[in-house]
Structure formats: structure tokens, C-alpha cells
Amino acid sequence: MGAKVSTVMSSRGATSRRGTPTDYAGPAAGRERRLDIHVFVSETGELATGRAWERCVWRDARVLIAECPAPHLPASVEAALRVIAADVARDRGWQGMGTVAFSLDDRSGVFRVSGAQAQPNAAGSPVAGHDPDAAHALEMRIDGCVDRRLPCTRLLVCGATRGEALRRAYRALSEMPGPAGVDRAFLMNRIASRAYCSGLTGTRLDQAVG
């Protein structure tokens, strides 16, 4: 994908939503990618945007793995997403933290805003230090999510490289106490797959792994 990026803004899709931004239909078939940019606005108006998180692994319209930085996302595309996210935050007068979600066509580079959610209770949070401490991070949601009455287990794994983060994630899943639930087994299969290790995500990953 070239450095030139086209943008398609959807004001209807950028309305605020309740609940976590991961709980809605998964990516469409093809080369669509779902990306999140976190925005941080201080009480004095200082604004910063984080690196792109990608909702890499889906199951039953649920995000099981989000990854930062997004695998193989061109720097020019990420920069464009961060600019748009900052504009959304300014236009809405956000203070504290918020997330702007994007849908990206990986072939054409065309993207649109698919959601925007502020977290007013985070007002006063520091702007600095908003990216993961390590060079790569994976957040996994495990079990419990099938039954909405039960809480999800969230596991954040970091590494100096993507490969190190994936190895740590697989080891952490394998060493978790208790019975191996269906999400846990599914995640271990995905993390160990050659397709995911090569950087495939979303529906492209599902098509490659089956």
C-alpha cells in the first residue's frame, strides 16, 4: 500500500456509544482492518494520541486479541489516523481519555471513522506515557465473554519485539490455572499459527487458518 491515504469520514458512525468499543460486529470479509487510536487530553488542553491498536483476533463478533502497534501498518497510514483522531477529540471537546475507532481497507488505504467514545471519568489523566512501556503489547480477553453475566479475564502481555510478545502470550495462556476454556484453546491455536506470526489479522487470518 502506498503512502497516499484517502479518507472517508462517516459522521453517523462516529457517534458516541456505551460499553466497550470491542463489543460489536467483527470486520467484514476481505481486507478490512479494525483499528483504535487512543486520545489523551489534559485539563489544560494538551493533546496526545497513542499508537494504533488493531483488533487482530475475533471470535463470534468478539475481540479476543488487540495488538499495539498494529502489525505491518504503514507509518503514513498510522499518522493519518492519529491526525483524524485528534481532530475528532478537538471537535467534541474531549477532556481526559477517549478512543476513536477506524475501519481500514488494507488494499486501497481508504478508511472511515466507525466509532468515537470519550471516557469523561479519566479527566486529569497525564498525557505523557500513554503508549505501552514495551515496544509491543497484546491484550487478550479470555473466556467468560460468551456468557455476558460473567466477567472477562483480561491479560496484557508486553515484549521488546512482536515475536517476544507472542511467545510470552502463548506461555502465559498455557500456564493459566484452571480448566482450558474454548477461548483459551482458540487463542493458543491462533497465536501459534504461521499466519498470525507473519502478521495476518482479522478475516485474512481466519481465511488462512480456517
Protein backbone atom coordinates (compact mmCIF):
# COMPACT_ATOMS: atom_id res chain seq x y z
CA MET A 1 0.00 0.00 0.00
CA GLY A 2 1.37 3.39 -0.97
CA ALA A 3 1.86 6.38 1.26
CA LYS A 4 -1.15 8.22 -0.15
CA VAL A 5 -4.18 7.80 2.07
CA SER A 6 -7.77 8.60 1.19
CA THR A 7 -10.24 9.25 3.98
CA VAL A 8 -13.96 8.66 4.12
CA MET A 9 -15.48 10.24 7.21
CA SER A 10 -18.80 8.89 8.46
CA SER A 11 -20.37 11.29 10.93
CA ARG A 12 -23.17 8.81 11.65
CA GLY A 13 -20.67 6.10 12.50
CA ALA A 14 -18.67 8.41 14.77
CA THR A 15 -21.36 8.88 17.39
CA SER A 16 -20.63 8.03 21.00
CA ARG A 17 -21.52 4.54 22.18
CA ARG A 18 -21.96 2.88 25.55
CA GLY A 19 -19.89 -0.09 26.62
CA THR A 20 -16.51 -1.22 25.38
CA PRO A 21 -15.63 -0.39 21.77
CA THR A 22 -14.87 -4.05 21.07
CA ASP A 23 -18.42 -5.37 21.50
CA TYR A 24 -19.94 -5.13 18.07
CA ALA A 25 -19.86 -6.95 14.75
CA GLY A 26 -16.47 -8.05 13.54
CA PRO A 27 -14.69 -7.00 10.36
CA ALA A 28 -16.32 -7.65 7.01
CA ALA A 29 -14.95 -10.29 4.71
CA GLY A 30 -12.00 -9.24 2.62
CA ARG A 31 -9.19 -6.94 3.70
CA GLU A 32 -10.96 -4.75 6.27
CA ARG A 33 -8.99 -3.98 9.41
CA ARG A 34 -10.33 -2.53 12.68
CA LEU A 35 -8.02 -0.05 14.38
CA ASP A 36 -8.26 2.09 17.51
CA ILE A 37 -6.42 5.31 18.33
CA HIS A 38 -6.45 6.39 21.97
CA VAL A 39 -6.55 10.13 22.55
CA PHE A 40 -5.48 11.90 25.74
CA VAL A 41 -6.45 15.50 26.51
CA SER A 42 -5.22 17.24 29.65
CA GLU A 43 -7.25 19.75 31.64
CA THR A 44 -5.11 22.48 30.07
CA GLY A 45 -5.97 21.28 26.55
CA GLU A 46 -2.71 19.48 25.81
CA LEU A 47 -3.49 16.61 23.41
CA ALA A 48 -1.62 13.44 22.52
CA THR A 49 -2.51 10.34 20.51
CA GLY A 50 -1.24 6.82 21.08
CA ARG A 51 -0.01 4.20 18.63
CA ALA A 52 -2.60 2.26 16.66
CA TRP A 53 -4.15 -0.77 18.36
CA GLU A 54 -5.58 -3.38 16.00
CA ARG A 55 -8.39 -5.77 16.90
CA CYS A 56 -6.48 -8.67 15.44
CA VAL A 57 -8.30 -11.84 16.52
CA TRP A 58 -12.09 -12.15 16.51
CA ARG A 59 -14.50 -14.87 17.50
CA ASP A 60 -18.29 -14.66 17.41
CA ALA A 61 -18.09 -10.88 16.84
CA ARG A 62 -15.92 -10.53 19.94
CA VAL A 63 -12.38 -9.19 20.00
CA LEU A 64 -10.08 -11.68 21.71
CA ILE A 65 -6.73 -10.07 20.88
CA ALA A 66 -5.90 -6.41 20.42
CA GLU A 67 -2.32 -5.61 19.46
CA CYS A 68 -0.16 -2.48 19.54
CA PRO A 69 1.40 -1.40 17.30
CA ALA A 70 -0.82 -2.80 14.56
CA PRO A 71 1.12 -5.39 12.52
CA HIS A 72 2.54 -4.13 9.22
CA LEU A 73 0.59 -0.86 9.34
CA PRO A 74 2.45 1.74 7.22
CA ALA A 75 3.68 4.73 9.21
CA SER A 76 1.91 7.10 6.81
CA VAL A 77 -1.45 5.43 7.47
CA GLU A 78 -0.98 5.41 11.23
CA ALA A 79 -0.01 9.10 11.13
CA ALA A 80 -3.18 9.91 9.18
CA LEU A 81 -5.33 8.00 11.68
CA ARG A 82 -3.76 9.86 14.59
CA VAL A 83 -4.44 13.23 12.96
CA ILE A 84 -8.10 12.34 12.37
CA ALA A 85 -8.44 11.02 15.94
CA ALA A 86 -7.04 14.27 17.30
CA ASP A 87 -9.47 16.26 15.15
CA VAL A 88 -12.41 14.21 16.48
CA ALA A 89 -11.32 14.84 20.07
CA ARG A 90 -10.99 18.59 19.46
CA ASP A 91 -14.31 18.84 17.63
CA ARG A 92 -16.09 17.08 20.52
CA GLY A 93 -14.29 19.00 23.25
CA TRP A 94 -12.98 15.87 24.96
CA GLN A 95 -11.11 16.05 28.25
CA GLY A 96 -9.32 13.05 29.66
CA MET A 97 -9.21 9.91 27.56
CA GLY A 98 -11.12 8.69 24.54
CA THR A 99 -10.91 6.19 21.70
CA VAL A 100 -11.56 6.75 18.00
CA ALA A 101 -12.20 3.54 16.04
CA PHE A 102 -11.46 3.16 12.35
CA SER A 103 -12.27 0.71 9.59
CA LEU A 104 -9.42 0.47 7.09
CA ASP A 105 -9.42 -1.13 3.64
CA ASP A 106 -5.96 -2.66 3.63
CA ARG A 107 -5.77 -2.72 -0.17
CA SER A 108 -6.86 0.81 -1.10
CA GLY A 109 -5.84 2.65 2.09
CA VAL A 110 -9.32 4.17 2.38
CA PHE A 111 -10.52 4.42 5.97
CA ARG A 112 -13.53 5.74 7.83
CA VAL A 113 -14.32 6.59 11.43
CA SER A 114 -16.55 3.82 12.78
CA GLY A 115 -16.88 4.95 16.39
CA ALA A 116 -15.76 7.54 18.94
CA GLN A 117 -16.09 7.17 22.69
CA ALA A 118 -14.91 9.53 25.40
CA GLN A 119 -14.12 8.49 28.96
CA PRO A 120 -15.03 11.58 30.99
CA ASN A 121 -14.05 9.97 34.28
CA ALA A 122 -10.45 9.91 33.07
CA ALA A 123 -10.18 13.72 33.12
CA GLY A 124 -6.90 14.84 34.60
CA SER A 125 -5.01 11.75 33.44
CA PRO A 126 -1.42 12.51 32.41
CA VAL A 127 -0.84 12.98 28.69
CA ALA A 128 2.68 11.60 28.80
CA GLY A 129 3.32 7.89 28.98
CA HIS A 130 0.17 6.78 27.16
CA ASP A 131 1.85 4.22 24.88
CA PRO A 132 2.81 0.71 26.10
CA ASP A 133 6.03 0.66 28.12
CA ALA A 134 7.42 -2.09 25.92
CA ALA A 135 7.89 -1.97 22.15
CA HIS A 136 4.97 -4.37 21.58
CA ALA A 137 1.84 -5.25 23.54
CA LEU A 138 -1.04 -7.72 23.25
CA GLU A 139 -4.26 -7.54 25.24
CA MET A 140 -6.21 -10.81 25.37
CA ARG A 141 -9.80 -11.42 26.52
CA ILE A 142 -10.34 -14.96 27.73
CA ASP A 143 -13.49 -16.95 28.50
CA GLY A 144 -16.46 -15.52 30.36
CA CYS A 145 -17.27 -13.31 27.37
CA VAL A 146 -19.63 -15.91 25.87
CA ASP A 147 -21.88 -15.53 28.91
CA ARG A 148 -22.31 -11.80 29.40
CA ARG A 149 -23.16 -12.37 33.07
CA LEU A 150 -19.57 -13.47 33.72
CA PRO A 151 -16.54 -11.18 33.69
CA CYS A 152 -13.82 -11.48 31.07
CA THR A 153 -10.29 -12.33 32.01
CA ARG A 154 -8.01 -9.69 30.53
CA LEU A 155 -4.33 -10.40 30.08
CA LEU A 156 -1.82 -7.77 28.93
CA VAL A 157 1.49 -9.13 27.64
CA CYS A 158 4.42 -6.96 26.53
CA GLY A 159 7.71 -7.64 24.81
CA ALA A 160 10.68 -5.89 23.27
CA THR A 161 9.65 -7.33 19.89
CA ARG A 162 6.44 -8.75 18.43
CA GLY A 163 7.96 -12.22 18.46
CA GLU A 164 8.81 -11.95 22.15
CA ALA A 165 5.31 -10.69 22.96
CA LEU A 166 3.73 -13.61 21.07
CA ARG A 167 5.94 -16.16 22.84
CA ARG A 168 5.10 -14.66 26.22
CA ALA A 169 1.40 -14.61 25.37
CA TYR A 170 1.40 -18.28 24.39
CA ARG A 171 3.30 -19.24 27.52
CA ALA A 172 1.01 -17.20 29.75
CA LEU A 173 -2.06 -18.90 28.25
CA SER A 174 -0.55 -22.35 28.64
CA GLU A 175 0.33 -21.70 32.28
CA MET A 176 -3.00 -20.22 33.34
CA PRO A 177 -4.57 -22.16 36.21
CA GLY A 178 -7.95 -23.82 35.86
CA PRO A 179 -9.57 -25.70 33.01
CA ALA A 180 -8.73 -24.71 29.44
CA GLY A 181 -11.80 -22.90 28.10
CA VAL A 182 -12.77 -22.67 24.47
CA ASP A 183 -11.45 -19.10 24.09
CA ARG A 184 -8.13 -20.08 25.63
CA ALA A 185 -7.63 -23.02 23.28
CA PHE A 186 -8.70 -20.89 20.32
CA LEU A 187 -6.22 -18.15 21.25
CA MET A 188 -3.33 -20.58 21.64
CA ASN A 189 -4.11 -22.00 18.20
CA ARG A 190 -4.18 -18.55 16.64
CA ILE A 191 -1.03 -17.28 18.35
CA ALA A 192 0.91 -20.39 17.29
CA SER A 193 -0.24 -20.22 13.68
CA ARG A 194 2.21 -19.25 10.97
CA ALA A 195 -0.37 -16.85 9.51
CA TYR A 196 -0.69 -14.78 12.69
CA CYS A 197 3.05 -14.84 13.32
CA SER A 198 3.53 -13.43 9.80
CA GLY A 199 1.20 -10.51 10.60
CA LEU A 200 -2.16 -11.57 9.17
CA THR A 201 -5.13 -10.29 11.18
CA GLY A 202 -8.93 -10.27 11.22
CA THR A 203 -10.73 -12.05 8.40
CA ARG A 204 -7.49 -12.54 6.48
CA LEU A 205 -6.20 -14.54 9.44
CA ASP A 206 -9.41 -16.57 9.65
CA GLN A 207 -9.22 -17.37 5.94
CA ALA A 208 -5.61 -18.50 6.24
CA VAL A 209 -6.02 -20.62 9.38
CA GLY A 210 -9.57 -21.89 8.80
